[in-house]
């Protein structure tokens, strides 16, 4: 069970990294010329990156409590 929880946590971390990478590429495309002209006309705007914040990050550092 502990291995499964660890595996899920690792997968979530990988997905967060992928999301932030894709968001960074998107934001670069929306802000650079000439794609920024088309993006502005179509309503595409800069998006925020995924961030847990200090409190949530501290909670994730701790191992989850599992009881049976």
PDB file of N, CA and C in Angstrom:
ATOM      1  N   UNK A   1       0.828  -1.191   0.000  1.00  0.00           N
ATOM      2  CA  UNK A   1       0.000   0.000   0.000  1.00  0.00           C
ATOM      3  C   UNK A   1       0.873   1.256   0.000  1.00  0.00           C
ATOM      4  N   UNK A   2       1.924   1.227   0.791  1.00  0.00           N
ATOM      5  CA  UNK A   2       2.820   2.383   0.862  1.00  0.00           C
ATOM      6  C   UNK A   2       3.466   2.654  -0.493  1.00  0.00           C
ATOM      7  N   UNK A   3       3.801   1.602  -1.216  1.00  0.00           N
ATOM      8  CA  UNK A   3       4.389   1.777  -2.550  1.00  0.00           C
ATOM      9  C   UNK A   3       3.401   2.433  -3.500  1.00  0.00           C
ATOM     10  N   UNK A   4       2.137   2.062  -3.413  1.00  0.00           N
ATOM     11  CA  UNK A   4       1.105   2.649  -4.261  1.00  0.00           C
ATOM     12  C   UNK A   4       0.942   4.135  -3.964  1.00  0.00           C
ATOM     13  N   UNK A   5       0.923   4.486  -2.685  1.00  0.00           N
ATOM     14  CA  UNK A   5       0.793   5.894  -2.296  1.00  0.00           C
ATOM     15  C   UNK A   5       1.996   6.683  -2.804  1.00  0.00           C
ATOM     16  N   UNK A   6       3.163   6.122  -2.653  1.00  0.00           N
ATOM     17  CA  UNK A   6       4.374   6.780  -3.133  1.00  0.00           C
ATOM     18  C   UNK A   6       4.343   6.948  -4.647  1.00  0.00           C
ATOM     19  N   UNK A   7       3.868   5.918  -5.339  1.00  0.00           N
ATOM     20  CA  UNK A   7       3.761   5.978  -6.801  1.00  0.00           C
ATOM     21  C   UNK A   7       2.788   7.073  -7.238  1.00  0.00           C
ATOM     22  N   UNK A   8       1.654   7.170  -6.570  1.00  0.00           N
ATOM     23  CA  UNK A   8       0.667   8.204  -6.901  1.00  0.00           C
ATOM     24  C   UNK A   8       1.250   9.584  -6.648  1.00  0.00           C
ATOM     25  N   UNK A   9       1.957   9.768  -5.543  1.00  0.00           N
ATOM     26  CA  UNK A   9       2.576  11.060  -5.241  1.00  0.00           C
ATOM     27  C   UNK A   9       3.593  11.439  -6.315  1.00  0.00           C
ATOM     28  N   UNK A  10       4.387  10.466  -6.759  1.00  0.00           N
ATOM     29  CA  UNK A  10       5.370  10.735  -7.809  1.00  0.00           C
ATOM     30  C   UNK A  10       4.700  11.105  -9.118  1.00  0.00           C
ATOM     31  N   UNK A  11       3.611  10.434  -9.437  1.00  0.00           N
ATOM     32  CA  UNK A  11       2.875  10.751 -10.667  1.00  0.00           C
ATOM     33  C   UNK A  11       2.256  12.140 -10.593  1.00  0.00           C
ATOM     34  N   UNK A  12       1.729  12.505  -9.442  1.00  0.00           N
ATOM     35  CA  UNK A  12       1.157  13.847  -9.281  1.00  0.00           C
ATOM     36  C   UNK A  12       2.236  14.920  -9.436  1.00  0.00           C
ATOM     37  N   UNK A  13       3.394  14.681  -8.877  1.00  0.00           N
ATOM     38  CA  UNK A  13       4.491  15.635  -9.018  1.00  0.00           C
ATOM     39  C   UNK A  13       4.893  15.783 -10.478  1.00  0.00           C
ATOM     40  N   UNK A  14       4.929  14.672 -11.213  1.00  0.00           N
ATOM     41  CA  UNK A  14       5.282  14.720 -12.633  1.00  0.00           C
ATOM     42  C   UNK A  14       4.236  15.486 -13.429  1.00  0.00           C
ATOM     43  N   UNK A  15       2.980  15.296 -13.102  1.00  0.00           N
ATOM     44  CA  UNK A  15       1.904  16.003 -13.803  1.00  0.00           C
ATOM     45  C   UNK A  15       1.959  17.498 -13.500  1.00  0.00           C
ATOM     46  N   UNK A  16       2.284  17.866 -12.263  1.00  0.00           N
ATOM     47  CA  UNK A  16       2.420  19.292 -11.933  1.00  0.00           C
ATOM     48  C   UNK A  16       3.556  19.915 -12.735  1.00  0.00           C
ATOM     49  N   UNK A  17       4.683  19.201 -12.853  1.00  0.00           N
ATOM     50  CA  UNK A  17       5.803  19.717 -13.640  1.00  0.00           C
ATOM     51  C   UNK A  17       5.412  19.858 -15.108  1.00  0.00           C
ATOM     52  N   UNK A  18       4.692  18.869 -15.643  1.00  0.00           N
ATOM     53  CA  UNK A  18       4.246  18.923 -17.042  1.00  0.00           C
ATOM     54  C   UNK A  18       3.290  20.093 -17.258  1.00  0.00           C
ATOM     55  N   UNK A  19       2.347  20.281 -16.337  1.00  0.00           N
ATOM     56  CA  UNK A  19       1.392  21.380 -16.452  1.00  0.00           C
ATOM     57  C   UNK A  19       2.112  22.725 -16.468  1.00  0.00           C
ATOM     58  N   UNK A  20       3.052  22.913 -15.557  1.00  0.00           N
ATOM     59  CA  UNK A  20       3.778  24.180 -15.501  1.00  0.00           C
ATOM     60  C   UNK A  20       4.626  24.389 -16.748  1.00  0.00           C
ATOM     61  N   UNK A  21       5.190  23.328 -17.284  1.00  0.00           N
ATOM     62  CA  UNK A  21       5.964  23.431 -18.520  1.00  0.00           C
ATOM     63  C   UNK A  21       5.069  23.841 -19.686  1.00  0.00           C
ATOM     64  N   UNK A  22       3.916  23.196 -19.797  1.00  0.00           N
ATOM     65  CA  UNK A  22       2.979  23.529 -20.879  1.00  0.00           C
ATOM     66  C   UNK A  22       2.446  24.952 -20.719  1.00  0.00           C
ATOM     67  N   UNK A  23       2.186  25.363 -19.483  1.00  0.00           N
ATOM     68  CA  UNK A  23       1.704  26.715 -19.229  1.00  0.00           C
ATOM     69  C   UNK A  23       2.770  27.737 -19.594  1.00  0.00           C
ATOM     70  N   UNK A  24       4.020  27.445 -19.301  1.00  0.00           N
ATOM     71  CA  UNK A  24       5.111  28.356 -19.647  1.00  0.00           C
ATOM     72  C   UNK A  24       5.223  28.514 -21.162  1.00  0.00           C
ATOM     73  N   UNK A  25       5.133  27.399 -21.898  1.00  0.00           N
ATOM     74  CA  UNK A  25       5.174  27.473 -23.363  1.00  0.00           C
ATOM     75  C   UNK A  25       4.001  28.273 -23.908  1.00  0.00           C
ATOM     76  N   UNK A  26       2.816  28.035 -23.357  1.00  0.00           N
ATOM     77  CA  UNK A  26       1.616  28.770 -23.779  1.00  0.00           C
ATOM     78  C   UNK A  26       1.793  30.266 -23.535  1.00  0.00           C
ATOM     79  N   UNK A  27       2.238  30.632 -22.324  1.00  0.00           N
ATOM     80  CA  UNK A  27       2.421  32.042 -21.992  1.00  0.00           C
ATOM     81  C   UNK A  27       3.454  32.694 -22.910  1.00  0.00           C
ATOM     82  N   UNK A  28       4.522  31.982 -23.224  1.00  0.00           N
ATOM     83  CA  UNK A  28       5.522  32.525 -24.150  1.00  0.00           C
ATOM     84  C   UNK A  28       4.914  32.763 -25.526  1.00  0.00           C
ATOM     85  N   UNK A  29       4.094  31.831 -25.991  1.00  0.00           N
ATOM     86  CA  UNK A  29       3.468  31.979 -27.306  1.00  0.00           C
ATOM     87  C   UNK A  29       2.490  33.144 -27.318  1.00  0.00           C
ATOM     88  N   UNK A  30       1.746  33.331 -26.239  1.00  0.00           N
ATOM     89  CA  UNK A  30       0.753  34.406 -26.172  1.00  0.00           C
ATOM     90  C   UNK A  30       1.432  35.772 -26.114  1.00  0.00           C
ATOM     91  N   UNK A  31       2.645  35.835 -25.606  1.00  0.00           N
ATOM     92  CA  UNK A  31       3.303  37.120 -25.396  1.00  0.00           C
ATOM     93  C   UNK A  31       4.326  37.490 -26.464  1.00  0.00           C
ATOM     94  N   UNK A  32       4.676  36.588 -27.367  1.00  0.00           N
ATOM     95  CA  UNK A  32       5.704  36.906 -28.355  1.00  0.00           C
ATOM     96  C   UNK A  32       5.090  37.255 -29.701  1.00  0.00           C
ATOM     97  N   UNK A  33       5.788  38.101 -30.425  1.00  0.00           N
ATOM     98  CA  UNK A  33       5.350  38.532 -31.745  1.00  0.00           C
ATOM     99  C   UNK A  33       5.650  37.439 -32.754  1.00  0.00           C
ATOM    100  N   UNK A  34       4.848  37.149 -33.697  1.00  0.00           N
ATOM    101  CA  UNK A  34       3.565  37.726 -34.096  1.00  0.00           C
ATOM    102  C   UNK A  34       2.357  37.001 -33.517  1.00  0.00           C
ATOM    103  N   UNK A  35       2.607  35.910 -32.780  1.00  0.00           N
ATOM    104  CA  UNK A  35       1.460  35.165 -32.257  1.00  0.00           C
ATOM    105  C   UNK A  35       0.655  35.968 -31.240  1.00  0.00           C
ATOM    106  N   UNK A  36       1.279  36.970 -30.600  1.00  0.00           N
ATOM    107  CA  UNK A  36       0.538  37.782 -29.639  1.00  0.00           C
ATOM    108  C   UNK A  36      -0.572  38.591 -30.323  1.00  0.00           C
ATOM    109  N   UNK A  37      -0.408  38.922 -31.596  1.00  0.00           N
ATOM    110  CA  UNK A  37      -1.452  39.646 -32.316  1.00  0.00           C
ATOM    111  C   UNK A  37      -2.703  38.780 -32.476  1.00  0.00           C
ATOM    112  N   UNK A  38      -2.497  37.564 -32.907  1.00  0.00           N
ATOM    113  CA  UNK A  38      -3.615  36.635 -33.090  1.00  0.00           C
ATOM    114  C   UNK A  38      -4.225  36.266 -31.739  1.00  0.00           C
ATOM    115  N   UNK A  39      -3.383  36.015 -30.755  1.00  0.00           N
ATOM    116  CA  UNK A  39      -3.869  35.639 -29.425  1.00  0.00           C
ATOM    117  C   UNK A  39      -4.730  36.748 -28.830  1.00  0.00           C
ATOM    118  N   UNK A  40      -4.320  37.984 -28.994  1.00  0.00           N
ATOM    119  CA  UNK A  40      -5.100  39.108 -28.474  1.00  0.00           C
ATOM    120  C   UNK A  40      -6.457  39.223 -29.141  1.00  0.00           C
ATOM    121  N   UNK A  41      -6.494  39.016 -30.450  1.00  0.00           N
ATOM    122  CA  UNK A  41      -7.768  39.108 -31.171  1.00  0.00           C
ATOM    123  C   UNK A  41      -8.713  37.963 -30.800  1.00  0.00           C
ATOM    124  N   UNK A  42      -8.167  36.814 -30.490  1.00  0.00           N
ATOM    125  CA  UNK A  42      -8.989  35.634 -30.177  1.00  0.00           C
ATOM    126  C   UNK A  42      -9.293  35.498 -28.682  1.00  0.00           C
ATOM    127  N   UNK A  43      -8.762  36.393 -27.868  1.00  0.00           N
ATOM    128  CA  UNK A  43      -9.072  36.374 -26.444  1.00  0.00           C
ATOM    129  C   UNK A  43      -8.190  35.485 -25.588  1.00  0.00           C
ATOM    130  N   UNK A  44      -7.067  35.033 -26.140  1.00  0.00           N
ATOM    131  CA  UNK A  44      -6.144  34.228 -25.335  1.00  0.00           C
ATOM    132  C   UNK A  44      -5.347  35.150 -24.431  1.00  0.00           C
ATOM    133  N   UNK A  45      -5.262  34.800 -23.165  1.00  0.00           N
ATOM    134  CA  UNK A  45      -4.549  35.604 -22.176  1.00  0.00           C
ATOM    135  C   UNK A  45      -3.532  34.744 -21.443  1.00  0.00           C
ATOM    136  N   UNK A  46      -2.611  35.412 -20.770  1.00  0.00           N
ATOM    137  CA  UNK A  46      -1.596  34.730 -19.968  1.00  0.00           C
ATOM    138  C   UNK A  46      -2.279  33.976 -18.835  1.00  0.00           C
ATOM    139  N   UNK A  47      -1.837  32.742 -18.586  1.00  0.00           N
ATOM    140  CA  UNK A  47      -2.387  31.904 -17.519  1.00  0.00           C
ATOM    141  C   UNK A  47      -1.393  31.808 -16.367  1.00  0.00           C
ATOM    142  N   UNK A  48      -1.914  31.522 -15.189  1.00  0.00           N
ATOM    143  CA  UNK A  48      -1.049  31.409 -14.016  1.00  0.00           C
ATOM    144  C   UNK A  48      -0.489  29.995 -13.924  1.00  0.00           C
ATOM    145  N   UNK A  49       0.680  29.892 -13.335  1.00  0.00           N
ATOM    146  CA  UNK A  49       1.336  28.610 -13.129  1.00  0.00           C
ATOM    147  C   UNK A  49       0.737  27.952 -11.885  1.00  0.00           C
ATOM    148  N   UNK A  50       0.823  26.640 -11.803  1.00  0.00           N
ATOM    149  CA  UNK A  50       0.332  25.910 -10.641  1.00  0.00           C
ATOM    150  C   UNK A  50       1.338  26.061  -9.510  1.00  0.00           C
ATOM    151  N   UNK A  51       0.851  26.519  -8.357  1.00  0.00           N
ATOM    152  CA  UNK A  51       1.714  26.670  -7.193  1.00  0.00           C
ATOM    153  C   UNK A  51       0.934  26.263  -5.954  1.00  0.00           C
ATOM    154  N   UNK A  52       1.523  25.429  -5.140  1.00  0.00           N
ATOM    155  CA  UNK A  52       0.851  24.945  -3.940  1.00  0.00           C
ATOM    156  C   UNK A  52       0.866  25.966  -2.811  1.00  0.00           C
ATOM    157  N   UNK A  53       1.851  26.821  -2.782  1.00  0.00           N
ATOM    158  CA  UNK A  53       1.996  27.729  -1.663  1.00  0.00           C
ATOM    159  C   UNK A  53       2.800  27.071  -0.549  1.00  0.00           C
ATOM    160  N   UNK A  54       3.192  27.863   0.408  1.00  0.00           N
ATOM    161  CA  UNK A  54       4.061  27.379   1.487  1.00  0.00           C
ATOM    162  C   UNK A  54       3.359  26.357   2.382  1.00  0.00           C
ATOM    163  N   UNK A  55       2.101  26.623   2.766  1.00  0.00           N
ATOM    164  CA  UNK A  55       1.405  25.727   3.695  1.00  0.00           C
ATOM    165  C   UNK A  55       1.147  24.357   3.074  1.00  0.00           C
ATOM    166  N   UNK A  56       0.640  24.336   1.857  1.00  0.00           N
ATOM    167  CA  UNK A  56       0.362  23.065   1.196  1.00  0.00           C
ATOM    168  C   UNK A  56       1.640  22.296   0.904  1.00  0.00           C
ATOM    169  N   UNK A  57       2.699  23.014   0.532  1.00  0.00           N
ATOM    170  CA  UNK A  57       3.967  22.352   0.248  1.00  0.00           C
ATOM    171  C   UNK A  57       4.492  21.667   1.512  1.00  0.00           C
ATOM    172  N   UNK A  58       4.350  22.315   2.654  1.00  0.00           N
ATOM    173  CA  UNK A  58       4.789  21.713   3.919  1.00  0.00           C
ATOM    174  C   UNK A  58       3.967  20.467   4.235  1.00  0.00           C
ATOM    175  N   UNK A  59       2.667  20.510   3.925  1.00  0.00           N
ATOM    176  CA  UNK A  59       1.817  19.335   4.162  1.00  0.00           C
ATOM    177  C   UNK A  59       2.216  18.172   3.268  1.00  0.00           C
ATOM    178  N   UNK A  60       2.626  18.451   2.043  1.00  0.00           N
ATOM    179  CA  UNK A  60       3.016  17.388   1.125  1.00  0.00           C
ATOM    180  C   UNK A  60       4.367  16.779   1.485  1.00  0.00           C
ATOM    181  N   UNK A  61       5.187  17.516   2.208  1.00  0.00           N
ATOM    182  CA  UNK A  61       6.486  17.006   2.622  1.00  0.00           C
ATOM    183  C   UNK A  61       6.344  15.853   3.618  1.00  0.00           C
ATOM    184  N   UNK A  62       5.232  15.853   4.363  1.00  0.00           N
ATOM    185  CA  UNK A  62       5.014  14.826   5.366  1.00  0.00           C
ATOM    186  C   UNK A  62       4.394  13.590   4.716  1.00  0.00           C
ATOM    187  N   UNK A  63       4.780  12.437   5.190  1.00  0.00           N
ATOM    188  CA  UNK A  63       4.204  11.181   4.682  1.00  0.00           C
ATOM    189  C   UNK A  63       2.758  11.084   5.127  1.00  0.00           C
ATOM    190  N   UNK A  64       1.870  10.598   4.254  1.00  0.00           N
ATOM    191  CA  UNK A  64       0.457  10.474   4.645  1.00  0.00           C
ATOM    192  C   UNK A  64       0.254   9.413   5.730  1.00  0.00           C
ATOM    193  N   UNK A  65      -0.726   9.657   6.566  1.00  0.00           N
ATOM    194  CA  UNK A  65      -1.066   8.698   7.627  1.00  0.00           C
ATOM    195  C   UNK A  65      -2.078   7.710   7.066  1.00  0.00           C
ATOM    196  N   UNK A  66      -1.732   6.439   7.084  1.00  0.00           N
ATOM    197  CA  UNK A  66      -2.622   5.396   6.569  1.00  0.00           C
ATOM    198  C   UNK A  66      -2.906   4.427   7.705  1.00  0.00           C
ATOM    199  N   UNK A  67      -4.188   4.215   7.943  1.00  0.00           N
ATOM    200  CA  UNK A  67      -4.564   3.242   8.988  1.00  0.00           C
ATOM    201  C   UNK A  67      -5.534   2.227   8.398  1.00  0.00           C
ATOM    202  N   UNK A  68      -5.470   1.037   8.891  1.00  0.00           N
ATOM    203  CA  UNK A  68      -6.315  -0.044   8.391  1.00  0.00           C
ATOM    204  C   UNK A  68      -7.307  -0.462   9.426  1.00  0.00           C
TER     205      UNK A  68
END
